[in-house]
Amino acid sequence: MEKLGQCITLAENFDLIYRKTACLFSVCMRMGAILGSATPLEEEKVAQYGRDLGMAFQIVDDVLDLTASESVLGKPVASDLREGKATMAVIHALERCTPAEHAVIETVLRDRAFNGVTHEQILEILNEYGSIEAAHDRAAEYAESARKSICTFPDSEIKRALLWAPDFVVLREK
């Protein structure tokens, strides 16, 4: 809440994502491991899987907020920007854009509204600097890390489902 309306660093964004989403995913996975009588090492691997899956999920969710249509999302697009939230793609662009472009994005974040700036203008800036793609790439890295964390587990239906989930998270459209 303290960061709303502010330009934040990528490290701050990842910390927020961890505390908002990834920690929940990790704890849920760890609880399942505990209830399933996993070893401490298995428990840790499953918790890591959950953390990385949660990071990927939230990064994709933030990108979809910027790029999906309202009919697909079921809510207004760019609601994070309207709430003053700087997400990974926005931060990526802010680190690379011109001072004029920076001012445009900063205005939306600060005012928590698209006053004199359109959503399309923001998307143009993000696309100009490959920011959407960079966020997708980072989500894919987290997804791959999630898969790797459980790769030593014996083959089973559960493992196959867990190996499938990261792709679903990264490739989803809503």
N, C-alpha and C. Protein backbone atom coordinates (compact mmCIF):
# COMPACT_ATOMS: atom_id res chain seq x y z
N MET A 1 0.82 -1.19 0.00
CA MET A 1 0.00 0.00 0.00
C MET A 1 0.87 1.26 0.00
N GLU A 2 2.00 1.18 0.70
CA GLU A 2 2.90 2.34 0.77
C GLU A 2 3.45 2.72 -0.59
N LYS A 3 3.53 1.79 -1.50
CA LYS A 3 4.18 2.00 -2.79
C LYS A 3 3.22 2.47 -3.89
N LEU A 4 1.93 2.54 -3.60
CA LEU A 4 0.96 2.96 -4.62
C LEU A 4 1.27 4.37 -5.08
N GLY A 5 1.22 4.56 -6.40
CA GLY A 5 1.48 5.87 -6.98
C GLY A 5 2.94 6.20 -7.14
N GLN A 6 3.82 5.28 -6.76
CA GLN A 6 5.26 5.52 -6.83
C GLN A 6 5.93 4.63 -7.87
N CYS A 7 7.03 5.14 -8.40
CA CYS A 7 7.88 4.30 -9.24
C CYS A 7 8.75 3.50 -8.28
N ILE A 8 8.72 2.19 -8.43
CA ILE A 8 9.50 1.32 -7.56
C ILE A 8 10.52 0.56 -8.39
N THR A 9 11.46 -0.06 -7.72
CA THR A 9 12.49 -0.84 -8.41
C THR A 9 11.95 -2.25 -8.71
N LEU A 10 12.64 -2.93 -9.59
CA LEU A 10 12.28 -4.31 -9.89
C LEU A 10 12.42 -5.19 -8.65
N ALA A 11 13.45 -4.95 -7.85
CA ALA A 11 13.63 -5.72 -6.61
C ALA A 11 12.45 -5.50 -5.67
N GLU A 12 11.97 -4.27 -5.56
CA GLU A 12 10.81 -4.00 -4.71
C GLU A 12 9.56 -4.69 -5.27
N ASN A 13 9.43 -4.68 -6.60
CA ASN A 13 8.29 -5.36 -7.22
C ASN A 13 8.32 -6.85 -6.94
N PHE A 14 9.49 -7.47 -7.07
CA PHE A 14 9.59 -8.91 -6.81
C PHE A 14 9.32 -9.22 -5.33
N ASP A 15 9.74 -8.34 -4.44
CA ASP A 15 9.44 -8.52 -3.02
C ASP A 15 7.93 -8.46 -2.79
N LEU A 16 7.26 -7.51 -3.43
CA LEU A 16 5.80 -7.41 -3.30
C LEU A 16 5.11 -8.65 -3.86
N ILE A 17 5.58 -9.11 -5.03
CA ILE A 17 5.00 -10.32 -5.63
C ILE A 17 5.20 -11.52 -4.70
N TYR A 18 6.39 -11.61 -4.13
CA TYR A 18 6.65 -12.72 -3.22
C TYR A 18 5.66 -12.68 -2.05
N ARG A 19 5.54 -11.50 -1.43
CA ARG A 19 4.68 -11.40 -0.25
C ARG A 19 3.20 -11.48 -0.59
N LYS A 20 2.82 -11.06 -1.79
CA LYS A 20 1.40 -11.05 -2.18
C LYS A 20 0.93 -12.42 -2.66
N THR A 21 1.74 -13.10 -3.46
CA THR A 21 1.29 -14.31 -4.14
C THR A 21 2.19 -15.51 -3.90
N ALA A 22 3.48 -15.35 -4.14
CA ALA A 22 4.39 -16.49 -4.11
C ALA A 22 4.48 -17.14 -2.74
N CYS A 23 4.43 -16.35 -1.70
CA CYS A 23 4.48 -16.90 -0.35
C CYS A 23 3.27 -17.78 -0.10
N LEU A 24 2.11 -17.34 -0.54
CA LEU A 24 0.88 -18.14 -0.38
C LEU A 24 1.01 -19.46 -1.14
N PHE A 25 1.46 -19.42 -2.39
CA PHE A 25 1.65 -20.65 -3.17
C PHE A 25 2.62 -21.58 -2.46
N SER A 26 3.72 -21.01 -1.96
CA SER A 26 4.75 -21.81 -1.30
C SER A 26 4.22 -22.48 -0.04
N VAL A 27 3.51 -21.71 0.78
CA VAL A 27 2.99 -22.26 2.03
C VAL A 27 1.96 -23.35 1.73
N CYS A 28 1.11 -23.13 0.74
CA CYS A 28 0.12 -24.16 0.39
C CYS A 28 0.79 -25.45 -0.06
N MET A 29 1.81 -25.33 -0.87
CA MET A 29 2.54 -26.52 -1.33
C MET A 29 3.24 -27.20 -0.15
N ARG A 30 3.85 -26.41 0.71
CA ARG A 30 4.55 -26.98 1.88
C ARG A 30 3.56 -27.71 2.79
N MET A 31 2.38 -27.14 2.98
CA MET A 31 1.36 -27.79 3.83
C MET A 31 0.97 -29.14 3.24
N GLY A 32 0.82 -29.19 1.91
CA GLY A 32 0.51 -30.47 1.28
C GLY A 32 1.61 -31.49 1.50
N ALA A 33 2.85 -31.02 1.41
CA ALA A 33 3.99 -31.92 1.63
C ALA A 33 4.01 -32.43 3.07
N ILE A 34 3.74 -31.55 4.00
CA ILE A 34 3.72 -31.95 5.42
C ILE A 34 2.61 -32.97 5.65
N LEU A 35 1.42 -32.69 5.13
CA LEU A 35 0.30 -33.62 5.30
C LEU A 35 0.55 -34.95 4.60
N GLY A 36 1.36 -34.92 3.55
CA GLY A 36 1.70 -36.14 2.84
C GLY A 36 2.93 -36.85 3.39
N SER A 37 3.40 -36.41 4.54
CA SER A 37 4.55 -37.03 5.22
C SER A 37 5.83 -36.99 4.38
N ALA A 38 6.05 -35.88 3.70
CA ALA A 38 7.27 -35.72 2.90
C ALA A 38 8.47 -35.56 3.82
N THR A 39 9.63 -35.87 3.29
CA THR A 39 10.87 -35.63 4.01
C THR A 39 11.12 -34.12 4.05
N PRO A 40 11.98 -33.65 4.95
CA PRO A 40 12.28 -32.21 4.97
C PRO A 40 12.82 -31.70 3.62
N LEU A 41 13.62 -32.50 2.93
CA LEU A 41 14.14 -32.10 1.62
C LEU A 41 13.02 -32.00 0.59
N GLU A 42 12.12 -32.99 0.57
CA GLU A 42 10.98 -32.95 -0.34
C GLU A 42 10.09 -31.76 -0.04
N GLU A 43 9.89 -31.52 1.24
CA GLU A 43 9.08 -30.38 1.67
C GLU A 43 9.68 -29.07 1.13
N GLU A 44 10.98 -28.94 1.24
CA GLU A 44 11.65 -27.73 0.77
C GLU A 44 11.54 -27.59 -0.75
N LYS A 45 11.69 -28.69 -1.46
CA LYS A 45 11.58 -28.65 -2.93
C LYS A 45 10.18 -28.26 -3.37
N VAL A 46 9.18 -28.78 -2.69
CA VAL A 46 7.79 -28.46 -3.03
C VAL A 46 7.50 -27.00 -2.69
N ALA A 47 8.03 -26.51 -1.58
CA ALA A 47 7.85 -25.11 -1.21
C ALA A 47 8.50 -24.20 -2.25
N GLN A 48 9.69 -24.58 -2.73
CA GLN A 48 10.37 -23.81 -3.79
C GLN A 48 9.54 -23.81 -5.06
N TYR A 49 8.98 -24.96 -5.40
CA TYR A 49 8.09 -25.07 -6.56
C TYR A 49 6.94 -24.06 -6.43
N GLY A 50 6.31 -24.04 -5.27
CA GLY A 50 5.20 -23.13 -5.05
C GLY A 50 5.61 -21.67 -5.15
N ARG A 51 6.76 -21.33 -4.59
CA ARG A 51 7.25 -19.95 -4.65
C ARG A 51 7.47 -19.53 -6.10
N ASP A 52 8.17 -20.36 -6.85
CA ASP A 52 8.46 -20.02 -8.24
C ASP A 52 7.20 -19.99 -9.10
N LEU A 53 6.29 -20.92 -8.86
CA LEU A 53 5.03 -20.92 -9.59
C LEU A 53 4.23 -19.66 -9.26
N GLY A 54 4.22 -19.27 -8.00
CA GLY A 54 3.52 -18.04 -7.60
C GLY A 54 4.13 -16.80 -8.23
N MET A 55 5.44 -16.75 -8.31
CA MET A 55 6.11 -15.61 -8.97
C MET A 55 5.70 -15.55 -10.43
N ALA A 56 5.76 -16.68 -11.12
CA ALA A 56 5.36 -16.73 -12.53
C ALA A 56 3.90 -16.33 -12.69
N PHE A 57 3.04 -16.86 -11.84
CA PHE A 57 1.61 -16.57 -11.92
C PHE A 57 1.34 -15.07 -11.81
N GLN A 58 1.96 -14.42 -10.82
CA GLN A 58 1.68 -13.00 -10.60
C GLN A 58 2.24 -12.13 -11.70
N ILE A 59 3.42 -12.45 -12.22
CA ILE A 59 3.98 -11.68 -13.33
C ILE A 59 3.05 -11.77 -14.53
N VAL A 60 2.58 -12.96 -14.86
CA VAL A 60 1.65 -13.13 -15.98
C VAL A 60 0.35 -12.40 -15.70
N ASP A 61 -0.15 -12.50 -14.49
CA ASP A 61 -1.38 -11.80 -14.13
C ASP A 61 -1.24 -10.29 -14.35
N ASP A 62 -0.09 -9.75 -13.96
CA ASP A 62 0.16 -8.32 -14.14
C ASP A 62 0.25 -7.95 -15.62
N VAL A 63 0.84 -8.81 -16.44
CA VAL A 63 0.90 -8.56 -17.89
C VAL A 63 -0.50 -8.62 -18.49
N LEU A 64 -1.27 -9.62 -18.10
CA LEU A 64 -2.63 -9.73 -18.63
C LEU A 64 -3.47 -8.51 -18.26
N ASP A 65 -3.24 -7.95 -17.10
CA ASP A 65 -3.95 -6.74 -16.70
C ASP A 65 -3.70 -5.61 -17.70
N LEU A 66 -2.53 -5.60 -18.30
CA LEU A 66 -2.18 -4.56 -19.27
C LEU A 66 -2.60 -4.91 -20.70
N THR A 67 -2.62 -6.19 -21.04
CA THR A 67 -2.75 -6.57 -22.45
C THR A 67 -4.05 -7.26 -22.85
N ALA A 68 -4.72 -7.90 -21.93
CA ALA A 68 -5.93 -8.64 -22.28
C ALA A 68 -7.09 -7.67 -22.47
N SER A 69 -8.13 -8.14 -23.11
CA SER A 69 -9.32 -7.32 -23.29
C SER A 69 -10.20 -7.39 -22.04
N GLU A 70 -11.04 -6.38 -21.89
CA GLU A 70 -11.95 -6.35 -20.74
C GLU A 70 -12.88 -7.55 -20.74
N SER A 71 -13.31 -7.98 -21.94
CA SER A 71 -14.23 -9.12 -22.01
C SER A 71 -13.54 -10.41 -21.57
N VAL A 72 -12.25 -10.54 -21.82
CA VAL A 72 -11.50 -11.73 -21.39
C VAL A 72 -11.21 -11.65 -19.89
N LEU A 73 -10.77 -10.48 -19.43
CA LEU A 73 -10.40 -10.32 -18.03
C LEU A 73 -11.61 -10.34 -17.09
N GLY A 74 -12.71 -9.82 -17.58
CA GLY A 74 -13.88 -9.71 -16.72
C GLY A 74 -13.80 -8.51 -15.79
N LYS A 75 -12.86 -7.61 -16.06
CA LYS A 75 -12.70 -6.37 -15.30
C LYS A 75 -12.02 -5.37 -16.22
N PRO A 76 -12.02 -4.10 -15.85
CA PRO A 76 -11.36 -3.10 -16.70
C PRO A 76 -9.88 -3.40 -16.88
N VAL A 77 -9.36 -3.17 -18.08
CA VAL A 77 -7.93 -3.38 -18.33
C VAL A 77 -7.13 -2.27 -17.65
N ALA A 78 -5.88 -2.57 -17.40
CA ALA A 78 -4.93 -1.63 -16.78
C ALA A 78 -5.39 -1.14 -15.41
N SER A 79 -6.12 -1.99 -14.69
CA SER A 79 -6.59 -1.59 -13.35
C SER A 79 -5.42 -1.41 -12.38
N ASP A 80 -4.33 -2.16 -12.58
CA ASP A 80 -3.16 -1.98 -11.71
C ASP A 80 -2.62 -0.56 -11.85
N LEU A 81 -2.48 -0.08 -13.09
CA LEU A 81 -2.00 1.29 -13.31
C LEU A 81 -2.96 2.30 -12.70
N ARG A 82 -4.25 2.06 -12.89
CA ARG A 82 -5.26 2.96 -12.34
C ARG A 82 -5.20 3.00 -10.81
N GLU A 83 -4.70 1.94 -10.22
CA GLU A 83 -4.55 1.90 -8.76
C GLU A 83 -3.18 2.41 -8.32
N GLY A 84 -2.35 2.81 -9.29
CA GLY A 84 -1.02 3.32 -8.97
C GLY A 84 0.02 2.26 -8.74
N LYS A 85 -0.22 1.03 -9.26
CA LYS A 85 0.73 -0.06 -9.07
C LYS A 85 1.69 -0.15 -10.26
N ALA A 86 2.97 -0.08 -9.96
CA ALA A 86 4.00 -0.28 -10.99
C ALA A 86 4.36 -1.76 -10.99
N THR A 87 4.04 -2.44 -12.09
CA THR A 87 4.34 -3.87 -12.21
C THR A 87 5.60 -4.06 -13.05
N MET A 88 6.03 -5.30 -13.19
CA MET A 88 7.32 -5.58 -13.82
C MET A 88 7.47 -4.95 -15.20
N ALA A 89 6.47 -5.12 -16.06
CA ALA A 89 6.57 -4.56 -17.42
C ALA A 89 6.70 -3.04 -17.38
N VAL A 90 5.96 -2.41 -16.52
CA VAL A 90 6.01 -0.95 -16.38
C VAL A 90 7.38 -0.52 -15.87
N ILE A 91 7.89 -1.21 -14.87
CA ILE A 91 9.20 -0.88 -14.31
C ILE A 91 10.29 -1.08 -15.36
N HIS A 92 10.18 -2.16 -16.13
CA HIS A 92 11.14 -2.44 -17.20
C HIS A 92 11.18 -1.27 -18.18
N ALA A 93 10.00 -0.78 -18.58
CA ALA A 93 9.93 0.35 -19.51
C ALA A 93 10.48 1.62 -18.86
N LEU A 94 10.12 1.87 -17.61
CA LEU A 94 10.59 3.07 -16.92
C LEU A 94 12.11 3.13 -16.85
N GLU A 95 12.76 1.97 -16.75
CA GLU A 95 14.22 1.92 -16.67
C GLU A 95 14.88 2.19 -18.02
N ARG A 96 14.10 2.20 -19.12
CA ARG A 96 14.68 2.30 -20.45
C ARG A 96 14.16 3.47 -21.29
N CYS A 97 13.03 4.02 -20.92
CA CYS A 97 12.36 4.99 -21.78
C CYS A 97 12.96 6.40 -21.68
N THR A 98 12.48 7.25 -22.56
CA THR A 98 12.92 8.65 -22.57
C THR A 98 12.30 9.39 -21.39
N PRO A 99 12.86 10.54 -21.04
CA PRO A 99 12.26 11.33 -19.96
C PRO A 99 10.78 11.69 -20.23
N ALA A 100 10.44 11.97 -21.46
CA ALA A 100 9.05 12.30 -21.79
C ALA A 100 8.14 11.09 -21.58
N GLU A 101 8.60 9.93 -22.02
CA GLU A 101 7.80 8.71 -21.83
C GLU A 101 7.69 8.37 -20.34
N HIS A 102 8.79 8.58 -19.63
CA HIS A 102 8.80 8.35 -18.18
C HIS A 102 7.73 9.22 -17.52
N ALA A 103 7.66 10.47 -17.93
CA ALA A 103 6.68 11.40 -17.35
C ALA A 103 5.24 10.95 -17.63
N VAL A 104 5.01 10.39 -18.83
CA VAL A 104 3.67 9.90 -19.18
C VAL A 104 3.26 8.77 -18.23
N ILE A 105 4.15 7.79 -18.07
CA ILE A 105 3.84 6.65 -17.19
C ILE A 105 3.71 7.12 -15.75
N GLU A 106 4.61 7.98 -15.33
CA GLU A 106 4.60 8.48 -13.95
C GLU A 106 3.30 9.23 -13.64
N THR A 107 2.78 9.96 -14.62
CA THR A 107 1.53 10.69 -14.44
C THR A 107 0.37 9.74 -14.15
N VAL A 108 0.30 8.64 -14.90
CA VAL A 108 -0.77 7.66 -14.68
C VAL A 108 -0.63 7.04 -13.29
N LEU A 109 0.58 6.68 -12.92
CA LEU A 109 0.81 6.08 -11.59
C LEU A 109 0.45 7.05 -10.47
N ARG A 110 0.93 8.28 -10.61
CA ARG A 110 0.71 9.28 -9.56
C ARG A 110 -0.77 9.67 -9.44
N ASP A 111 -1.40 9.94 -10.60
CA ASP A 111 -2.80 10.38 -10.60
C ASP A 111 -3.78 9.23 -10.39
N ARG A 112 -3.27 8.00 -10.59
CA ARG A 112 -4.11 6.81 -10.50
C ARG A 112 -5.30 6.92 -11.45
N ALA A 113 -5.00 7.44 -12.63
CA ALA A 113 -6.03 7.62 -13.66
C ALA A 113 -5.34 7.91 -14.99
N PHE A 114 -6.08 7.67 -16.06
CA PHE A 114 -5.58 7.97 -17.40
C PHE A 114 -6.04 9.37 -17.81
N ASN A 115 -5.58 10.38 -17.10
CA ASN A 115 -5.92 11.78 -17.40
C ASN A 115 -4.99 12.30 -18.49
N GLY A 116 -5.51 12.43 -19.71
CA GLY A 116 -4.70 12.94 -20.81
C GLY A 116 -3.74 11.91 -21.38
N VAL A 117 -3.79 10.70 -20.90
CA VAL A 117 -2.94 9.61 -21.38
C VAL A 117 -3.87 8.44 -21.66
N THR A 118 -3.62 7.74 -22.76
CA THR A 118 -4.45 6.57 -23.07
C THR A 118 -3.72 5.28 -22.72
N HIS A 119 -4.51 4.26 -22.54
CA HIS A 119 -3.96 2.93 -22.31
C HIS A 119 -3.09 2.53 -23.50
N GLU A 120 -3.52 2.88 -24.70
CA GLU A 120 -2.76 2.55 -25.91
C GLU A 120 -1.38 3.21 -25.91
N GLN A 121 -1.30 4.45 -25.40
CA GLN A 121 0.00 5.13 -25.32
C GLN A 121 0.95 4.36 -24.39
N ILE A 122 0.41 3.90 -23.28
CA ILE A 122 1.23 3.13 -22.34
C ILE A 122 1.70 1.84 -23.00
N LEU A 123 0.78 1.13 -23.69
CA LEU A 123 1.16 -0.11 -24.37
C LEU A 123 2.22 0.14 -25.43
N GLU A 124 2.12 1.26 -26.15
CA GLU A 124 3.14 1.60 -27.16
C GLU A 124 4.52 1.71 -26.51
N ILE A 125 4.58 2.38 -25.38
CA ILE A 125 5.86 2.54 -24.68
C ILE A 125 6.38 1.17 -24.23
N LEU A 126 5.50 0.36 -23.65
CA LEU A 126 5.91 -0.96 -23.18
C LEU A 126 6.40 -1.83 -24.33
N ASN A 127 5.71 -1.76 -25.45
CA ASN A 127 6.12 -2.56 -26.62
C ASN A 127 7.41 -2.03 -27.24
N GLU A 128 7.58 -0.73 -27.24
CA GLU A 128 8.80 -0.10 -27.78
C GLU A 128 10.06 -0.66 -27.11
N TYR A 129 9.99 -0.92 -25.82
CA TYR A 129 11.15 -1.36 -25.06
C TYR A 129 11.15 -2.86 -24.75
N GLY A 130 10.23 -3.59 -25.36
CA GLY A 130 10.18 -5.04 -25.15
C GLY A 130 9.81 -5.42 -23.73
N SER A 131 9.07 -4.55 -23.06
CA SER A 131 8.77 -4.75 -21.64
C SER A 131 7.79 -5.88 -21.38
N ILE A 132 6.79 -6.03 -22.25
CA ILE A 132 5.83 -7.14 -22.11
C ILE A 132 6.57 -8.46 -22.30
N GLU A 133 7.39 -8.51 -23.34
CA GLU A 133 8.17 -9.72 -23.62
C GLU A 133 9.14 -10.03 -22.49
N ALA A 134 9.76 -9.00 -21.92
CA ALA A 134 10.70 -9.21 -20.81
C ALA A 134 9.98 -9.80 -19.60
N ALA A 135 8.78 -9.33 -19.34
CA ALA A 135 8.00 -9.87 -18.22
C ALA A 135 7.63 -11.33 -18.49
N HIS A 136 7.19 -11.62 -19.72
CA HIS A 136 6.87 -13.01 -20.07
C HIS A 136 8.11 -13.89 -19.94
N ASP A 137 9.24 -13.40 -20.38
CA ASP A 137 10.49 -14.17 -20.27
C ASP A 137 10.83 -14.47 -18.81
N ARG A 138 10.65 -13.47 -17.95
CA ARG A 138 10.95 -13.69 -16.53
C ARG A 138 9.98 -14.70 -15.93
N ALA A 139 8.71 -14.60 -16.31
CA ALA A 139 7.71 -15.58 -15.82
C ALA A 139 8.10 -16.98 -16.28
N ALA A 140 8.56 -17.11 -17.52
CA ALA A 140 8.98 -18.41 -18.04
C ALA A 140 10.19 -18.94 -17.27
N GLU A 141 11.10 -18.06 -16.86
CA GLU A 141 12.25 -18.48 -16.06
C GLU A 141 11.79 -19.03 -14.71
N TYR A 142 10.86 -18.35 -14.08
CA TYR A 142 10.32 -18.84 -12.81
C TYR A 142 9.60 -20.18 -13.00
N ALA A 143 8.86 -20.31 -14.10
CA ALA A 143 8.14 -21.56 -14.39
C ALA A 143 9.14 -22.71 -14.55
N GLU A 144 10.21 -22.45 -15.27
CA GLU A 144 11.24 -23.49 -15.47
C GLU A 144 11.90 -23.84 -14.14
N SER A 145 12.15 -22.86 -13.30
CA SER A 145 12.73 -23.11 -11.99
C SER A 145 11.79 -23.96 -11.14
N ALA A 146 10.48 -23.71 -11.25
CA ALA A 146 9.50 -24.51 -10.51
C ALA A 146 9.59 -25.97 -10.96
N ARG A 147 9.61 -26.18 -12.28
CA ARG A 147 9.71 -27.55 -12.80
C ARG A 147 10.98 -28.23 -12.31
N LYS A 148 12.10 -27.53 -12.36
CA LYS A 148 13.37 -28.12 -11.95
C LYS A 148 13.38 -28.49 -10.47
N SER A 149 12.65 -27.76 -9.66
CA SER A 149 12.68 -28.02 -8.22
C SER A 149 12.09 -29.38 -7.86
N ILE A 150 11.24 -29.93 -8.74
CA ILE A 150 10.63 -31.23 -8.44
C ILE A 150 11.05 -32.33 -9.42
N CYS A 151 12.04 -32.05 -10.25
CA CYS A 151 12.42 -33.01 -11.30
C CYS A 151 12.97 -34.32 -10.74
N THR A 152 13.47 -34.32 -9.52
CA THR A 152 14.02 -35.56 -8.95
C THR A 152 12.96 -36.44 -8.30
N PHE A 153 11.75 -35.94 -8.21
CA PHE A 153 10.67 -36.75 -7.61
C PHE A 153 10.36 -37.93 -8.53
N PRO A 154 9.92 -39.07 -7.98
CA PRO A 154 9.57 -40.21 -8.82
C PRO A 154 8.38 -39.88 -9.71
N ASP A 155 8.36 -40.51 -10.88
CA ASP A 155 7.27 -40.27 -11.83
C ASP A 155 5.94 -40.71 -11.22
N SER A 156 4.93 -39.87 -11.40
CA SER A 156 3.58 -40.18 -10.92
C SER A 156 2.60 -39.23 -11.60
N GLU A 157 1.34 -39.49 -11.42
CA GLU A 157 0.30 -38.60 -11.95
C GLU A 157 0.43 -37.21 -11.33
N ILE A 158 0.73 -37.17 -10.04
CA ILE A 158 0.86 -35.90 -9.34
C ILE A 158 2.03 -35.11 -9.90
N LYS A 159 3.16 -35.78 -10.08
CA LYS A 159 4.33 -35.08 -10.63
C LYS A 159 4.02 -34.57 -12.03
N ARG A 160 3.37 -35.37 -12.86
CA ARG A 160 3.03 -34.92 -14.21
C ARG A 160 2.13 -33.68 -14.18
N ALA A 161 1.17 -33.66 -13.26
CA ALA A 161 0.30 -32.49 -13.12
C ALA A 161 1.10 -31.27 -12.67
N LEU A 162 2.01 -31.48 -11.72
CA LEU A 162 2.84 -30.37 -11.25
C LEU A 162 3.78 -29.86 -12.35
N LEU A 163 4.26 -30.74 -13.20
CA LEU A 163 5.13 -30.32 -14.29
C LEU A 163 4.35 -29.58 -15.38
N TRP A 164 3.06 -29.87 -15.49
CA TRP A 164 2.20 -29.21 -16.48
C TRP A 164 1.78 -27.81 -16.02
N ALA A 165 1.57 -27.63 -14.74
CA ALA A 165 1.02 -26.38 -14.20
C ALA A 165 1.84 -25.13 -14.57
N PRO A 166 3.16 -25.14 -14.53
CA PRO A 166 3.90 -23.93 -14.90
C PRO A 166 3.63 -23.47 -16.34
N ASP A 167 3.51 -24.42 -17.27
CA ASP A 167 3.18 -24.02 -18.64
C ASP A 167 1.79 -23.39 -18.71
N PHE A 168 0.85 -23.98 -18.00
CA PHE A 168 -0.50 -23.42 -17.96
C PHE A 168 -0.47 -21.99 -17.43
N VAL A 169 0.27 -21.77 -16.35
CA VAL A 169 0.36 -20.44 -15.73
C VAL A 169 0.95 -19.42 -16.71
N VAL A 170 2.00 -19.79 -17.40
CA VAL A 170 2.68 -18.84 -18.29
C VAL A 170 1.90 -18.61 -19.59
N LEU A 171 1.22 -19.63 -20.09
CA LEU A 171 0.54 -19.51 -21.38
C LEU A 171 -0.93 -19.09 -21.27
N ARG A 172 -1.44 -18.93 -20.07
CA ARG A 172 -2.86 -18.60 -19.92
C ARG A 172 -3.18 -17.24 -20.52
N GLU A 173 -4.44 -17.05 -20.86
CA GLU A 173 -4.87 -15.80 -21.47
C GLU A 173 -5.83 -15.02 -20.59
N LYS A 174 -6.13 -15.58 -19.41
CA LYS A 174 -6.95 -14.82 -18.45
C LYS A 174 -6.69 -15.31 -17.05
